[in-house]
Amino acid sequence: MREKIAKSFLELFKKEPLISFAPGRINLIGEHTDYQEGFVFPAAVSQGIWVGICKNETTVSKIHSLDFEEDFAFDINDFSPKKGHWANYIMGMVSLLKQAGYPVKGFDIVFGGDIPVGSGLSSSAALSVAIGTAISAVFDFKISKKSIAIYAQKSEHLFEGLNCGIMDPYASAFGKENHALLLDCRSNSHEEIPLELGGYSLLLTNTNVKHKLADSAYNKRREACEKSVEILQNSFPGITTLRDLTPDDLAKVKELLPVELFPKAKHVIMEDHRVKEAGDCLKNSDLIAFGKLMWESHESLSKDYEVSCPELDFLVKSSKQKPYVLGSRMMGGGFGGCTISLLETSKKQELKDYLSTHYKNQFNIDPEFIEVTPSEGARILG
């Protein structure tokens, strides 16, 4: 992809570009906790977005997308979001950098990637971080990784209208090879934890479905968490989010919350606890205990938080029939997307064949399998 970007850039703009890369990410455990300032456990992967960039000494930025086979241009002094367009991720980053005082000038860009569409590997965050990394380098702004991640998050808020958490751009910026990041979404700080899997591997299985409930349900879950905090603050005056509660508080929380809110609060409280336990499991190389937490996470996401779907539940339940699968759960927002499984490396093909047959028989859909390796975060390739 790097060579493809460089070749296309030379053909279009007659120059040699500076090339940046930012990876997609997986999340080992810790779903729907980020917007309650909780804990998540992502890792960058080898798949990502490559960006070729050069200054052009004008006020107009010209962009070519290899994936969409489309061109776009905008004046850096006069632009606004374009509903549903991929260019929003680039314009959003330019807007945030300018607001922060960085004197961005015109530039030319070619970008492309190898993140499977709809896989939940967060291609949007990878694009934003790759753009921020490229602009910082080509104009010698020396912007920190943390700032680029925060600008990427705010860019999606402002230009895409998605009120996303910090996890995706943060993991893309800070990823480390063969490590996962135990990320605190309140302090925006992390601990690097070695991902020493030995004879085991991670495998994503894409349901290849996305149910329409996803966006509205996401907003409702956020509202349920916020309403729960409002109610609970009378009895727990020190809390600002559900992250401030522990499993020991659950009995009292159950007494205080309406029956429709309690399961949602329970999920967030327990999921935060599971993330911290998962970190300890990996430090102690206890993959069996880590896998158990993955099963528990899925059960909670499906039954308590109600963001799963028949396809995801089927894949997890089917995977549980195989003793060589230590753990499996839905990954991401829910209502479709991928499961993430931890299994014996030597049994990967056997699981793929088994799930392909049974999933196709059940839903008449072919699943897609994506192999992932914890990899390095955003960087300049030269």
Protein backbone atom coordinates (compact mmCIF):
# COMPACT_ATOMS: atom_id res chain seq x y z
CA MET A 1 0.00 0.00 0.00
CA ARG A 2 2.87 2.37 0.75
CA GLU A 3 4.26 1.89 -2.76
CA LYS A 4 0.79 2.28 -4.25
CA ILE A 5 0.29 5.59 -2.41
CA ALA A 6 3.70 6.90 -3.51
CA LYS A 7 3.12 5.91 -7.15
CA SER A 8 -0.36 7.45 -7.29
CA PHE A 9 0.88 10.63 -5.61
CA LEU A 10 3.68 11.02 -8.14
CA GLU A 11 1.25 10.54 -11.03
CA LEU A 12 -1.28 13.04 -9.65
CA PHE A 13 0.91 15.73 -8.10
CA LYS A 14 4.35 15.17 -9.73
CA LYS A 15 6.09 15.05 -6.33
CA GLU A 16 7.41 12.52 -3.84
CA PRO A 17 5.18 12.51 -0.74
CA LEU A 18 5.84 12.16 2.94
CA ILE A 19 3.95 9.03 4.06
CA SER A 20 2.24 8.42 7.39
CA PHE A 21 0.44 5.35 8.68
CA ALA A 22 -2.15 4.88 11.42
CA PRO A 23 -3.58 1.48 12.38
CA GLY A 24 -7.07 0.26 13.08
CA ARG A 25 -7.75 -1.27 16.47
CA ILE A 26 -9.38 -4.18 18.26
CA ASN A 27 -10.79 -4.06 21.78
CA LEU A 28 -10.00 -7.12 23.88
CA ILE A 29 -12.60 -6.29 26.53
CA GLY A 30 -14.37 -3.21 27.89
CA GLU A 31 -17.37 -2.35 25.71
CA HIS A 32 -19.68 0.64 26.28
CA THR A 33 -17.59 1.86 29.20
CA ASP A 34 -15.66 4.68 27.50
CA TYR A 35 -18.48 7.22 27.59
CA GLN A 36 -18.77 6.68 31.35
CA GLU A 37 -15.07 7.55 31.75
CA GLY A 38 -14.36 3.88 32.37
CA PHE A 39 -11.67 1.42 31.34
CA VAL A 40 -11.09 -0.24 27.95
CA PHE A 41 -8.45 -2.62 26.66
CA PRO A 42 -7.63 -1.96 22.99
CA ALA A 43 -4.68 -2.89 20.81
CA ALA A 44 -3.59 -1.48 17.47
CA VAL A 45 -3.50 -3.93 14.55
CA SER A 46 -1.42 -4.23 11.39
CA GLN A 47 -4.30 -3.14 9.12
CA GLY A 48 -4.69 0.61 8.76
CA ILE A 49 -4.63 3.77 6.64
CA TRP A 50 -1.66 5.17 4.70
CA VAL A 51 -1.50 8.88 3.82
CA GLY A 52 0.84 10.53 1.31
CA ILE A 53 1.15 14.32 1.78
CA CYS A 54 3.01 17.35 0.43
CA LYS A 55 2.63 21.08 0.97
CA ASN A 56 1.38 22.86 -2.15
CA GLU A 57 1.98 26.55 -1.27
CA THR A 58 -1.70 27.49 -1.89
CA THR A 59 -4.84 27.75 0.27
CA VAL A 60 -6.52 24.83 -1.50
CA SER A 61 -6.09 21.25 -0.32
CA LYS A 62 -6.54 18.50 -2.90
CA ILE A 63 -7.28 14.94 -1.83
CA HIS A 64 -7.48 11.67 -3.72
CA SER A 65 -8.97 8.55 -2.12
CA LEU A 66 -7.65 5.32 -3.59
CA ASP A 67 -10.38 3.28 -1.91
CA PHE A 68 -13.27 5.43 -3.11
CA GLU A 69 -11.52 6.37 -6.40
CA GLU A 70 -12.67 9.92 -5.78
CA ASP A 71 -11.15 13.42 -5.66
CA PHE A 72 -12.06 16.22 -3.30
CA ALA A 73 -10.78 19.76 -2.78
CA PHE A 74 -11.44 22.48 -0.24
CA ASP A 75 -10.13 25.93 0.65
CA ILE A 76 -8.52 25.67 4.08
CA ASN A 77 -9.84 29.13 4.96
CA ASP A 78 -13.45 28.43 3.95
CA PHE A 79 -14.94 24.97 4.41
CA SER A 80 -17.72 23.16 6.25
CA PRO A 81 -18.85 19.55 6.80
CA LYS A 82 -20.27 17.65 3.84
CA LYS A 83 -22.90 15.25 5.16
CA GLY A 84 -21.82 11.62 5.02
CA HIS A 85 -18.63 12.29 3.03
CA TRP A 86 -15.23 10.74 3.82
CA ALA A 87 -13.60 14.17 3.43
CA ASN A 88 -15.17 15.23 6.74
CA TYR A 89 -12.46 13.30 8.59
CA ILE A 90 -9.78 15.37 6.87
CA MET A 91 -11.56 18.72 7.09
CA GLY A 92 -12.43 18.01 10.72
CA MET A 93 -8.78 17.50 11.62
CA VAL A 94 -7.78 20.68 9.76
CA SER A 95 -10.50 22.62 11.60
CA LEU A 96 -9.37 21.34 15.02
CA LEU A 97 -5.70 22.04 14.30
CA LYS A 98 -6.47 25.57 13.16
CA GLN A 99 -8.59 26.18 16.27
CA ALA A 100 -5.64 25.01 18.34
CA GLY A 101 -3.47 27.66 16.69
CA TYR A 102 -1.52 25.57 14.18
CA PRO A 103 -0.97 27.56 10.94
CA VAL A 104 -2.11 24.89 8.48
CA LYS A 105 -1.55 25.78 4.81
CA GLY A 106 -2.66 24.05 1.62
CA PHE A 107 -1.57 20.45 1.01
CA ASP A 108 -2.08 17.58 -1.41
CA ILE A 109 -3.01 14.10 -0.17
CA VAL A 110 -3.46 10.57 -1.48
CA PHE A 111 -4.73 8.00 1.01
CA GLY A 112 -5.82 4.37 1.09
CA GLY A 113 -6.06 1.45 3.47
CA ASP A 114 -6.64 -2.25 4.02
CA ILE A 115 -9.19 -2.19 6.87
CA PRO A 116 -12.20 -4.34 5.85
CA VAL A 117 -15.35 -2.22 5.54
CA GLY A 118 -17.78 -2.68 8.43
CA SER A 119 -15.32 -4.79 10.42
CA GLY A 120 -15.35 -2.60 13.51
CA LEU A 121 -11.59 -2.00 13.29
CA SER A 122 -12.27 1.75 13.29
CA SER A 123 -11.11 2.93 9.89
CA SER A 124 -12.49 6.42 10.62
CA ALA A 125 -10.23 6.92 13.64
CA ALA A 126 -7.27 5.49 11.70
CA LEU A 127 -7.88 8.00 8.89
CA SER A 128 -8.16 10.92 11.31
CA VAL A 129 -5.00 9.95 13.20
CA ALA A 130 -3.08 9.28 9.98
CA ILE A 131 -4.10 12.73 8.69
CA GLY A 132 -3.13 14.44 11.96
CA THR A 133 0.21 12.63 11.98
CA ALA A 134 0.87 13.57 8.35
CA ILE A 135 -0.03 17.26 8.76
CA SER A 136 2.02 17.54 11.95
CA ALA A 137 5.06 16.09 10.18
CA VAL A 138 4.85 17.93 6.88
CA PHE A 139 4.43 21.33 8.60
CA ASP A 140 6.82 20.42 11.46
CA PHE A 141 4.18 21.13 14.13
CA LYS A 142 5.47 18.39 16.48
CA ILE A 143 1.97 17.66 17.83
CA SER A 144 1.89 15.05 20.60
CA LYS A 145 0.18 11.70 20.06
CA LYS A 146 -2.31 12.43 22.82
CA SER A 147 -3.28 15.75 21.22
CA ILE A 148 -3.74 14.09 17.82
CA ALA A 149 -6.01 11.48 19.43
CA ILE A 150 -8.10 14.16 21.16
CA TYR A 151 -8.35 16.23 17.97
CA ALA A 152 -9.46 13.11 16.09
CA GLN A 153 -12.19 12.45 18.65
CA LYS A 154 -13.43 16.05 18.58
CA SER A 155 -13.28 16.05 14.78
CA GLU A 156 -15.81 13.20 14.66
CA HIS A 157 -18.02 15.04 17.15
CA LEU A 158 -18.02 18.26 15.12
CA PHE A 159 -17.83 17.10 11.49
CA GLU A 160 -19.56 13.70 11.59
CA GLY A 161 -21.97 14.28 14.48
CA LEU A 162 -20.77 11.10 16.21
CA ASN A 163 -20.36 11.53 19.96
CA CYS A 164 -17.66 8.84 20.15
CA GLY A 165 -15.23 8.10 22.97
CA ILE A 166 -11.47 8.45 23.01
CA MET A 167 -10.59 4.75 22.67
CA ASP A 168 -10.37 4.40 18.88
CA PRO A 169 -8.05 7.31 18.04
CA TYR A 170 -6.05 6.78 21.24
CA ALA A 171 -5.34 3.14 20.40
CA SER A 172 -4.44 4.09 16.85
CA ALA A 173 -1.99 6.73 18.06
CA PHE A 174 -0.38 4.84 20.97
CA GLY A 175 -0.48 1.18 19.88
CA LYS A 176 2.58 -0.93 20.65
CA GLU A 177 3.63 -4.15 18.96
CA ASN A 178 2.59 -7.27 20.91
CA HIS A 179 0.96 -5.15 23.61
CA ALA A 180 -2.52 -4.06 24.58
CA LEU A 181 -3.31 -0.71 26.21
CA LEU A 182 -5.23 -0.67 29.47
CA LEU A 183 -6.74 2.75 28.90
CA ASP A 184 -8.33 4.97 31.54
CA CYS A 185 -10.91 7.06 29.67
CA ARG A 186 -11.07 9.64 32.45
CA SER A 187 -7.41 10.58 32.61
CA ASN A 188 -6.65 9.62 28.99
CA SER A 189 -3.65 7.65 30.19
CA HIS A 190 -2.71 4.02 29.68
CA GLU A 191 -0.62 1.10 30.82
CA GLU A 192 1.10 -1.04 28.18
CA ILE A 193 0.52 -4.71 28.96
CA PRO A 194 2.38 -7.44 27.03
CA LEU A 195 0.09 -9.67 24.98
CA GLU A 196 2.01 -12.92 25.21
CA LEU A 197 -0.38 -15.46 23.70
CA GLY A 198 2.01 -18.36 23.19
CA GLY A 199 0.14 -21.01 21.17
CA TYR A 200 -3.02 -18.92 21.03
CA SER A 201 -4.25 -16.28 18.58
CA LEU A 202 -6.96 -13.66 18.20
CA LEU A 203 -9.51 -14.03 15.43
CA LEU A 204 -12.32 -11.71 14.36
CA THR A 205 -15.47 -13.12 12.80
CA ASN A 206 -17.54 -10.57 10.91
CA THR A 207 -21.29 -11.22 10.96
CA ASN A 208 -21.60 -9.13 7.79
CA VAL A 209 -24.77 -7.58 9.20
CA LYS A 210 -25.51 -4.18 10.69
CA HIS A 211 -28.95 -3.70 12.17
CA LYS A 212 -30.67 -0.32 11.96
CA LEU A 213 -31.11 -0.18 15.74
CA ALA A 214 -27.43 0.57 16.26
CA ASP A 215 -27.38 4.39 16.32
CA SER A 216 -30.63 4.96 18.21
CA ALA A 217 -29.82 2.23 20.74
CA TYR A 218 -26.38 3.72 21.34
CA ASN A 219 -27.93 7.07 22.22
CA LYS A 220 -30.51 5.41 24.48
CA ARG A 221 -27.82 3.47 26.34
CA ARG A 222 -25.85 6.66 26.94
CA GLU A 223 -28.99 8.38 28.22
CA ALA A 224 -29.74 5.43 30.54
CA CYS A 225 -26.25 5.66 32.05
CA GLU A 226 -26.50 9.42 32.52
CA LYS A 227 -29.97 9.12 34.10
CA SER A 228 -28.67 6.41 36.44
CA VAL A 229 -25.85 8.66 37.60
CA GLU A 230 -28.31 11.48 38.32
CA ILE A 231 -30.41 9.19 40.51
CA LEU A 232 -27.46 7.56 42.25
CA GLN A 233 -25.70 10.82 43.10
CA ASN A 234 -28.19 11.40 45.95
CA SER A 235 -26.89 8.29 47.74
CA PHE A 236 -23.35 8.27 46.29
CA PRO A 237 -22.54 12.00 46.35
CA GLY A 238 -18.95 11.57 45.21
CA ILE A 239 -19.71 9.92 41.87
CA THR A 240 -19.63 11.68 38.50
CA THR A 241 -20.00 8.58 36.30
CA LEU A 242 -20.76 4.88 36.79
CA ARG A 243 -17.02 4.28 36.67
CA ASP A 244 -16.90 5.50 40.28
CA LEU A 245 -18.93 2.51 41.52
CA THR A 246 -17.70 -1.02 42.26
CA PRO A 247 -19.26 -4.49 42.27
CA ASP A 248 -19.66 -4.09 46.05
CA ASP A 249 -22.10 -1.25 45.39
CA LEU A 250 -24.42 -3.30 43.16
CA ALA A 251 -26.90 -4.35 45.85
CA LYS A 252 -27.51 -0.73 46.84
CA VAL A 253 -27.58 0.39 43.19
CA LYS A 254 -30.28 -2.21 42.50
CA GLU A 255 -32.41 -0.83 45.33
CA LEU A 256 -32.12 2.74 44.07
CA LEU A 257 -32.56 2.39 40.31
CA PRO A 258 -35.75 1.70 38.34
CA VAL A 259 -35.91 -1.86 37.03
CA GLU A 260 -35.30 -0.72 33.43
CA LEU A 261 -32.11 1.19 34.32
CA PHE A 262 -30.38 -1.24 36.67
CA PRO A 263 -29.17 -3.83 34.09
CA LYS A 264 -27.53 -1.06 32.03
CA ALA A 265 -25.74 0.37 35.08
CA LYS A 266 -24.78 -3.14 36.19
CA HIS A 267 -23.11 -3.84 32.85
CA VAL A 268 -20.94 -0.72 32.97
CA ILE A 269 -19.93 -1.28 36.60
CA MET A 270 -19.06 -4.95 36.05
CA GLU A 271 -17.40 -4.39 32.68
CA ASP A 272 -15.03 -1.84 34.19
CA HIS A 273 -14.17 -4.43 36.84
CA ARG A 274 -13.63 -7.09 34.14
CA VAL A 275 -11.19 -4.85 32.26
CA LYS A 276 -9.01 -4.40 35.32
CA GLU A 277 -9.18 -8.14 36.06
CA ALA A 278 -8.25 -8.84 32.43
CA GLY A 279 -5.12 -6.72 32.81
CA ASP A 280 -4.07 -8.80 35.81
CA CYS A 281 -4.77 -12.01 33.88
CA LEU A 282 -2.44 -11.00 31.06
CA LYS A 283 0.27 -9.88 33.47
CA ASN A 284 0.08 -13.34 35.04
CA SER A 285 -0.15 -15.11 31.63
CA ASP A 286 -3.48 -16.61 32.73
CA LEU A 287 -5.23 -16.91 29.36
CA ILE A 288 -7.90 -19.29 30.68
CA ALA A 289 -9.09 -16.70 33.21
CA PHE A 290 -8.86 -13.99 30.53
CA GLY A 291 -11.06 -16.08 28.22
CA LYS A 292 -13.63 -16.54 30.99
CA LEU A 293 -13.89 -12.75 31.29
CA MET A 294 -14.56 -12.55 27.54
CA TRP A 295 -17.51 -14.96 27.84
CA GLU A 296 -18.85 -12.97 30.80
CA SER A 297 -18.49 -9.71 28.88
CA HIS A 298 -20.57 -11.03 26.00
CA GLU A 299 -23.27 -12.37 28.30
CA SER A 300 -23.52 -8.95 29.95
CA LEU A 301 -23.58 -7.08 26.64
CA SER A 302 -26.28 -9.40 25.31
CA LYS A 303 -28.55 -9.82 28.36
CA ASP A 304 -27.98 -6.70 30.51
CA TYR A 305 -26.93 -3.99 28.05
CA GLU A 306 -28.95 -5.47 25.17
CA VAL A 307 -26.67 -4.41 22.34
CA SER A 308 -26.06 -7.81 20.78
CA CYS A 309 -28.12 -9.48 18.03
CA PRO A 310 -29.00 -13.06 16.98
CA GLU A 311 -26.02 -13.27 14.63
CA LEU A 312 -23.46 -12.23 17.25
CA ASP A 313 -25.04 -14.45 19.91
CA PHE A 314 -25.00 -17.41 17.52
CA LEU A 315 -21.28 -17.00 16.74
CA VAL A 316 -20.36 -16.73 20.42
CA LYS A 317 -22.54 -19.68 21.42
CA SER A 318 -21.13 -21.79 18.58
CA SER A 319 -17.56 -20.89 19.51
CA LYS A 320 -18.25 -21.95 23.10
CA GLN A 321 -18.88 -25.51 21.87
CA LYS A 322 -15.20 -25.83 20.99
CA PRO A 323 -12.80 -26.54 23.90
CA TYR A 324 -9.92 -24.92 22.03
CA VAL A 325 -11.69 -21.52 22.15
CA LEU A 326 -10.79 -19.90 25.47
CA GLY A 327 -13.15 -16.94 25.06
CA SER A 328 -15.29 -15.06 22.56
CA ARG A 329 -17.48 -11.96 22.66
CA MET A 330 -19.00 -9.27 20.52
CA MET A 331 -16.69 -6.34 19.84
CA GLY A 332 -17.78 -2.78 19.25
CA GLY A 333 -21.09 -0.95 19.40
CA GLY A 334 -23.21 -4.02 18.72
CA PHE A 335 -26.19 -5.01 16.56
CA GLY A 336 -23.76 -6.50 14.06
CA GLY A 337 -20.07 -6.25 13.32
CA CYS A 338 -17.54 -8.73 14.67
CA THR A 339 -16.88 -11.17 17.44
CA ILE A 340 -13.34 -11.43 18.82
CA SER A 341 -12.16 -14.87 19.90
CA LEU A 342 -9.08 -16.23 21.68
CA LEU A 343 -8.25 -19.73 20.48
CA GLU A 344 -5.49 -22.25 19.87
CA THR A 345 -3.57 -21.12 16.81
CA SER A 346 -3.45 -24.66 15.42
CA LYS A 347 -7.27 -24.84 15.45
CA LYS A 348 -7.97 -21.61 13.56
CA GLN A 349 -8.90 -23.24 10.27
CA GLU A 350 -11.06 -25.81 12.03
CA LEU A 351 -13.03 -23.03 13.76
CA LYS A 352 -13.36 -21.08 10.52
CA ASP A 353 -14.78 -24.12 8.72
CA TYR A 354 -17.14 -24.92 11.59
CA LEU A 355 -18.50 -21.37 11.94
CA SER A 356 -18.76 -20.86 8.18
CA THR A 357 -20.96 -23.93 7.76
CA HIS A 358 -23.21 -23.39 10.76
CA TYR A 359 -23.57 -19.61 10.34
CA LYS A 360 -24.43 -19.97 6.64
CA ASN A 361 -27.01 -22.67 7.46
CA GLN A 362 -28.58 -20.48 10.15
CA PHE A 363 -28.62 -17.06 8.46
CA ASN A 364 -27.76 -17.70 4.80
CA ILE A 365 -24.85 -15.27 5.18
CA ASP A 366 -21.15 -16.01 4.73
CA PRO A 367 -19.10 -14.77 7.70
CA GLU A 368 -15.75 -13.09 7.11
CA PHE A 369 -12.67 -13.94 9.15
CA ILE A 370 -10.03 -11.34 9.95
CA GLU A 371 -6.72 -12.29 11.51
CA VAL A 372 -5.25 -9.60 13.73
CA THR A 373 -1.89 -9.05 15.40
CA PRO A 374 -1.22 -6.37 18.05
CA SER A 375 0.94 -3.84 16.24
CA GLU A 376 2.66 -0.47 16.41
CA GLY A 377 0.67 2.79 16.48
CA ALA A 378 0.71 5.83 14.18
CA ARG A 379 4.03 6.79 12.66
CA ILE A 380 5.84 8.48 9.77
CA LEU A 381 7.18 5.98 7.24
CA GLY A 382 9.35 8.44 5.36
